Amino acid sequence: MELYFKLTLSYQDFLPYYQGLADKVEVRESQGRILWINGRHFRRFLTENGIHGQFKLVLDDKGQFVSLERL
């Protein structure tokens, strides 16, 4: 299953996830469903400006994380 969403988080807003103090990032995918994605999956996208962009989340048949990429 592929799910698409936009995310805009400032550097400061993402710090708790980066530091492990917060766990799940809540996003709304393009069909309106709310997703909770472990913040560790976003760490590689963090810049000094935060995290910005359109993303694709891939889940397996059981709904488990497979991959996350910025489009």
Protein backbone atom coordinates (compact mmCIF):
# COMPACT_ATOMS: atom_id res chain seq x y z
CA MET A 1 0.00 0.00 0.00
CA GLU A 2 1.29 3.46 -0.89
CA LEU A 3 0.16 6.54 1.03
CA TYR A 4 1.04 10.13 0.13
CA PHE A 5 1.19 13.17 2.37
CA LYS A 6 2.80 16.59 2.80
CA LEU A 7 4.81 17.46 5.87
CA THR A 8 6.12 20.78 7.10
CA LEU A 9 7.92 20.77 10.44
CA SER A 10 10.41 23.33 11.67
CA TYR A 11 13.75 22.19 13.04
CA GLN A 12 12.64 23.12 16.56
CA ASP A 13 9.33 21.25 16.22
CA PHE A 14 11.13 18.08 15.12
CA LEU A 15 13.81 18.11 17.85
CA PRO A 16 11.76 16.07 20.37
CA TYR A 17 11.42 13.31 17.74
CA TYR A 18 15.09 13.47 16.82
CA GLN A 19 16.10 13.27 20.47
CA GLY A 20 13.74 10.36 21.14
CA LEU A 21 11.56 12.37 23.54
CA ALA A 22 8.53 12.05 21.26
CA ASP A 23 7.60 8.97 19.28
CA LYS A 24 4.97 9.30 16.55
CA VAL A 25 4.52 12.07 13.98
CA GLU A 26 0.87 12.59 13.05
CA VAL A 27 0.16 13.34 9.38
CA ARG A 28 -2.95 13.41 7.20
CA GLU A 29 -2.53 11.51 3.96
CA SER A 30 -4.02 12.66 0.65
CA GLN A 31 -7.26 10.66 1.13
CA GLY A 32 -7.85 12.25 4.54
CA ARG A 33 -6.76 9.37 6.78
CA ILE A 34 -4.63 10.22 9.82
CA LEU A 35 -1.36 8.30 10.07
CA TRP A 36 1.04 8.00 13.00
CA ILE A 37 4.59 7.38 11.79
CA ASN A 38 7.55 6.77 14.05
CA GLY A 39 9.68 9.91 14.10
CA ARG A 40 12.90 7.96 13.55
CA HIS A 41 11.86 7.41 9.92
CA PHE A 42 12.05 11.17 9.30
CA ARG A 43 15.51 11.80 10.78
CA ARG A 44 17.31 11.50 7.45
CA PHE A 45 15.12 14.25 5.98
CA LEU A 46 15.92 16.80 8.71
CA THR A 47 17.82 19.92 7.63
CA GLU A 48 18.52 23.19 9.43
CA ASN A 49 15.19 24.38 7.98
CA GLY A 50 13.27 21.40 9.34
CA ILE A 51 11.42 18.81 7.29
CA HIS A 52 9.45 19.97 4.27
CA GLY A 53 8.01 18.14 1.31
CA GLN A 54 5.73 15.58 -0.23
CA PHE A 55 6.30 12.02 0.98
CA LYS A 56 5.35 8.49 0.02
CA LEU A 57 4.90 5.89 2.76
CA VAL A 58 4.88 2.23 1.72
CA LEU A 59 3.26 -0.38 3.98
CA ASP A 60 3.13 -4.15 3.60
CA ASP A 61 -0.09 -6.21 3.51
CA LYS A 62 -0.22 -6.20 7.32
CA GLY A 63 0.12 -2.42 7.55
CA GLN A 64 3.75 -2.53 8.68
CA PHE A 65 6.34 0.04 7.59
CA VAL A 66 8.33 -0.80 4.45
CA SER A 67 9.77 2.54 3.32
CA LEU A 68 9.45 6.32 3.38
CA GLU A 69 10.71 8.61 0.65
CA ARG A 70 10.51 12.28 -0.16
CA LEU A 71 9.15 12.92 -3.64
